[in-house]
N, C-alpha and C. Protein backbone atom coordinates (compact mmCIF):
# COMPACT_ATOMS: atom_id res chain seq x y z
N MET A 1 -150.06 212.50 261.61
CA MET A 1 -149.96 213.29 260.40
C MET A 1 -150.82 214.56 260.50
N ARG A 2 -152.03 214.43 261.11
CA ARG A 2 -152.90 215.58 261.22
C ARG A 2 -152.29 216.69 262.04
N LYS A 3 -151.61 216.32 263.12
CA LYS A 3 -151.06 217.37 263.98
C LYS A 3 -149.95 218.13 263.25
N TYR A 4 -149.20 217.47 262.38
CA TYR A 4 -148.17 218.17 261.62
C TYR A 4 -148.79 219.08 260.57
N GLY A 5 -149.88 218.64 259.96
CA GLY A 5 -150.59 219.46 259.00
C GLY A 5 -151.17 220.71 259.65
N MET A 6 -151.77 220.55 260.82
CA MET A 6 -152.32 221.70 261.54
C MET A 6 -151.19 222.67 261.90
N PHE A 7 -150.07 222.14 262.36
CA PHE A 7 -148.94 223.01 262.70
C PHE A 7 -148.44 223.75 261.48
N PHE A 8 -148.35 223.06 260.35
CA PHE A 8 -147.88 223.70 259.12
C PHE A 8 -148.81 224.82 258.68
N PHE A 9 -150.12 224.54 258.69
CA PHE A 9 -151.07 225.57 258.27
C PHE A 9 -151.03 226.78 259.20
N GLU A 10 -151.03 226.52 260.49
CA GLU A 10 -151.00 227.62 261.44
C GLU A 10 -149.71 228.42 261.32
N ASN A 11 -148.61 227.73 261.12
CA ASN A 11 -147.32 228.40 260.99
C ASN A 11 -147.27 229.27 259.74
N THR A 12 -147.81 228.80 258.64
CA THR A 12 -147.78 229.59 257.41
C THR A 12 -148.68 230.81 257.51
N VAL A 13 -149.83 230.69 258.16
CA VAL A 13 -150.71 231.85 258.34
C VAL A 13 -150.03 232.90 259.19
N VAL A 14 -149.43 232.48 260.30
CA VAL A 14 -148.74 233.43 261.19
C VAL A 14 -147.56 234.05 260.47
N HIS A 15 -146.82 233.26 259.72
CA HIS A 15 -145.66 233.77 258.98
C HIS A 15 -146.07 234.84 257.99
N GLY A 16 -147.16 234.64 257.28
CA GLY A 16 -147.65 235.63 256.33
C GLY A 16 -148.05 236.92 257.01
N ARG A 17 -148.71 236.81 258.16
CA ARG A 17 -149.14 238.02 258.87
C ARG A 17 -147.95 238.78 259.44
N VAL A 18 -146.97 238.08 259.95
CA VAL A 18 -145.79 238.73 260.52
C VAL A 18 -145.02 239.46 259.43
N ASP A 19 -144.85 238.84 258.28
CA ASP A 19 -144.14 239.49 257.18
C ASP A 19 -144.85 240.76 256.72
N SER A 20 -146.16 240.71 256.65
CA SER A 20 -146.93 241.88 256.24
C SER A 20 -146.80 243.00 257.27
N SER A 21 -146.87 242.65 258.54
CA SER A 21 -146.75 243.66 259.60
C SER A 21 -145.35 244.25 259.64
N ALA A 22 -144.33 243.46 259.40
CA ALA A 22 -142.95 243.97 259.41
C ALA A 22 -142.75 244.97 258.27
N LYS A 23 -143.31 244.68 257.12
CA LYS A 23 -143.18 245.60 255.99
C LYS A 23 -143.85 246.93 256.30
N LYS A 24 -145.05 246.87 256.87
CA LYS A 24 -145.75 248.11 257.23
C LYS A 24 -144.98 248.89 258.29
N TYR A 25 -144.39 248.19 259.23
CA TYR A 25 -143.61 248.83 260.29
C TYR A 25 -142.41 249.58 259.73
N VAL A 26 -141.71 248.96 258.80
CA VAL A 26 -140.54 249.61 258.20
C VAL A 26 -140.98 250.77 257.31
N GLU A 27 -142.08 250.62 256.59
CA GLU A 27 -142.54 251.70 255.71
C GLU A 27 -143.02 252.92 256.48
N GLU A 28 -143.36 252.76 257.75
CA GLU A 28 -143.76 253.90 258.58
C GLU A 28 -142.56 254.75 259.01
N GLY A 29 -141.36 254.31 258.69
CA GLY A 29 -140.16 255.08 259.02
C GLY A 29 -139.32 254.46 260.11
N ASN A 30 -139.74 253.36 260.64
CA ASN A 30 -138.97 252.66 261.66
C ASN A 30 -137.87 251.84 261.01
N LEU A 31 -136.78 251.64 261.71
CA LEU A 31 -135.65 250.85 261.21
C LEU A 31 -135.13 251.42 259.88
N VAL A 32 -134.93 252.68 259.79
CA VAL A 32 -134.36 253.46 258.69
C VAL A 32 -135.40 253.79 257.61
N GLY A 33 -136.41 253.01 257.38
CA GLY A 33 -137.48 253.36 256.44
C GLY A 33 -137.30 252.80 255.05
N LYS A 34 -138.08 253.37 254.12
CA LYS A 34 -138.09 252.87 252.74
C LYS A 34 -136.73 253.07 252.08
N GLY A 35 -136.40 252.17 251.17
CA GLY A 35 -135.15 252.25 250.43
C GLY A 35 -133.97 251.61 251.13
N SER A 36 -134.13 251.24 252.38
CA SER A 36 -133.02 250.63 253.13
C SER A 36 -132.97 249.14 252.87
N ASP A 37 -131.90 248.53 253.34
CA ASP A 37 -131.79 247.07 253.22
C ASP A 37 -132.88 246.37 254.02
N ASN A 38 -133.26 246.95 255.15
CA ASN A 38 -134.36 246.37 255.94
C ASN A 38 -135.66 246.37 255.14
N HIS A 39 -135.90 247.46 254.43
CA HIS A 39 -137.12 247.53 253.62
C HIS A 39 -137.09 246.50 252.50
N LYS A 40 -135.96 246.36 251.86
CA LYS A 40 -135.84 245.37 250.78
C LYS A 40 -136.09 243.96 251.31
N ALA A 41 -135.57 243.68 252.49
CA ALA A 41 -135.77 242.35 253.09
C ALA A 41 -137.23 242.12 253.45
N THR A 42 -137.89 243.16 253.96
CA THR A 42 -139.31 242.98 254.31
C THR A 42 -140.19 242.85 253.08
N VAL A 43 -139.81 243.49 251.97
CA VAL A 43 -140.57 243.34 250.72
C VAL A 43 -140.46 241.90 250.22
N VAL A 44 -139.27 241.34 250.29
CA VAL A 44 -139.09 239.94 249.88
C VAL A 44 -139.88 239.02 250.81
N GLY A 45 -139.81 239.27 252.10
CA GLY A 45 -140.57 238.45 253.06
C GLY A 45 -142.06 238.56 252.83
N ASN A 46 -142.53 239.76 252.54
CA ASN A 46 -143.96 239.95 252.29
C ASN A 46 -144.39 239.26 251.00
N THR A 47 -143.52 239.27 249.99
CA THR A 47 -143.83 238.58 248.73
C THR A 47 -143.98 237.08 248.96
N ILE A 48 -143.16 236.54 249.83
CA ILE A 48 -143.26 235.11 250.14
C ILE A 48 -144.41 234.84 251.10
N GLY A 49 -144.64 235.73 252.05
CA GLY A 49 -145.64 235.50 253.08
C GLY A 49 -147.08 235.69 252.63
N ASP A 50 -147.33 236.56 251.65
CA ASP A 50 -148.71 236.80 251.20
C ASP A 50 -149.40 235.55 250.66
N PRO A 51 -148.77 234.76 249.80
CA PRO A 51 -149.45 233.53 249.36
C PRO A 51 -149.71 232.56 250.51
N PHE A 52 -148.82 232.50 251.48
CA PHE A 52 -149.06 231.66 252.65
C PHE A 52 -150.34 232.09 253.35
N LYS A 53 -150.43 233.38 253.60
CA LYS A 53 -151.57 233.92 254.32
C LYS A 53 -152.86 233.73 253.53
N ASP A 54 -152.80 233.96 252.23
CA ASP A 54 -154.00 233.91 251.40
C ASP A 54 -154.50 232.50 251.14
N THR A 55 -153.62 231.52 251.12
CA THR A 55 -154.06 230.15 250.82
C THR A 55 -154.23 229.30 252.06
N SER A 56 -153.39 229.45 253.05
CA SER A 56 -153.48 228.61 254.23
C SER A 56 -154.61 229.02 255.16
N GLY A 57 -154.91 230.30 255.21
CA GLY A 57 -155.98 230.77 256.10
C GLY A 57 -157.32 230.13 255.82
N PRO A 58 -157.84 230.23 254.58
CA PRO A 58 -159.12 229.59 254.29
C PRO A 58 -159.08 228.07 254.43
N SER A 59 -157.97 227.46 254.08
CA SER A 59 -157.86 226.00 254.24
C SER A 59 -157.92 225.61 255.69
N LEU A 60 -157.29 226.39 256.53
CA LEU A 60 -157.30 226.10 257.96
C LEU A 60 -158.69 226.22 258.54
N ASN A 61 -159.46 227.22 258.09
CA ASN A 61 -160.82 227.37 258.58
C ASN A 61 -161.68 226.17 258.21
N ILE A 62 -161.55 225.68 256.99
CA ILE A 62 -162.31 224.51 256.56
C ILE A 62 -161.92 223.28 257.38
N LEU A 63 -160.64 223.12 257.64
CA LEU A 63 -160.17 221.98 258.42
C LEU A 63 -160.70 222.03 259.84
N ILE A 64 -160.72 223.20 260.45
CA ILE A 64 -161.24 223.34 261.81
C ILE A 64 -162.73 223.02 261.84
N GLU A 65 -163.50 223.51 260.86
CA GLU A 65 -164.92 223.21 260.81
C GLU A 65 -165.17 221.71 260.63
N LEU A 66 -164.40 221.07 259.78
CA LEU A 66 -164.55 219.63 259.56
C LEU A 66 -164.26 218.85 260.84
N MET A 67 -163.18 219.21 261.51
CA MET A 67 -162.83 218.51 262.75
C MET A 67 -163.90 218.73 263.82
N SER A 68 -164.50 219.90 263.86
CA SER A 68 -165.57 220.17 264.82
C SER A 68 -166.80 219.32 264.53
N MET A 69 -167.17 219.22 263.26
CA MET A 69 -168.34 218.42 262.90
C MET A 69 -168.12 216.93 263.19
N VAL A 70 -166.94 216.44 262.90
CA VAL A 70 -166.64 215.03 263.17
C VAL A 70 -166.70 214.77 264.67
N SER A 71 -166.17 215.68 265.49
CA SER A 71 -166.19 215.46 266.93
C SER A 71 -167.61 215.52 267.47
N ILE A 72 -168.46 216.40 266.93
CA ILE A 72 -169.85 216.46 267.38
C ILE A 72 -170.60 215.18 267.03
N VAL A 73 -170.41 214.67 265.82
CA VAL A 73 -171.06 213.43 265.41
C VAL A 73 -170.57 212.26 266.25
N MET A 74 -169.26 212.19 266.48
CA MET A 74 -168.71 211.09 267.29
C MET A 74 -169.20 211.15 268.74
N ALA A 75 -169.33 212.36 269.28
CA ALA A 75 -169.86 212.49 270.64
C ALA A 75 -171.30 212.00 270.71
N GLY A 76 -172.09 212.36 269.70
CA GLY A 76 -173.47 211.89 269.67
C GLY A 76 -173.57 210.38 269.54
N LEU A 77 -172.74 209.80 268.68
CA LEU A 77 -172.74 208.33 268.53
C LEU A 77 -172.28 207.64 269.80
N THR A 78 -171.28 208.21 270.47
CA THR A 78 -170.78 207.62 271.71
C THR A 78 -171.87 207.62 272.77
N ILE A 79 -172.59 208.71 272.89
CA ILE A 79 -173.67 208.78 273.89
C ILE A 79 -174.81 207.85 273.51
N ALA A 80 -175.17 207.79 272.23
CA ALA A 80 -176.30 206.97 271.79
C ALA A 80 -176.02 205.48 271.96
N TYR A 81 -174.82 205.05 271.74
CA TYR A 81 -174.50 203.63 271.77
C TYR A 81 -173.67 203.22 272.97
N SER A 82 -173.65 204.02 274.00
CA SER A 82 -172.89 203.64 275.19
C SER A 82 -173.62 202.52 275.93
N LEU A 83 -172.89 201.76 276.69
CA LEU A 83 -173.45 200.59 277.38
C LEU A 83 -173.88 200.91 278.81
N ILE A 84 -174.39 202.07 279.02
CA ILE A 84 -174.82 202.44 280.39
C ILE A 84 -176.22 201.98 280.63
């Protein structure tokens, strides 16, 4: 379950960043520019992608920090209680 959650969070963060970059790219005049169907599609994508980027990013950072702390504690316990 954890690996699917990590994949989901990472995917949503990347999706939000890609949508934002695509909108900026079209607004610079590439792919016909503002007012075109491409621009309308990137605005919709950016509207959907921004909440992904804004909510999943901080959650992902907390999850990574938690997993790091758990692994450090488990490594210490493994070394302390090993049967060597």
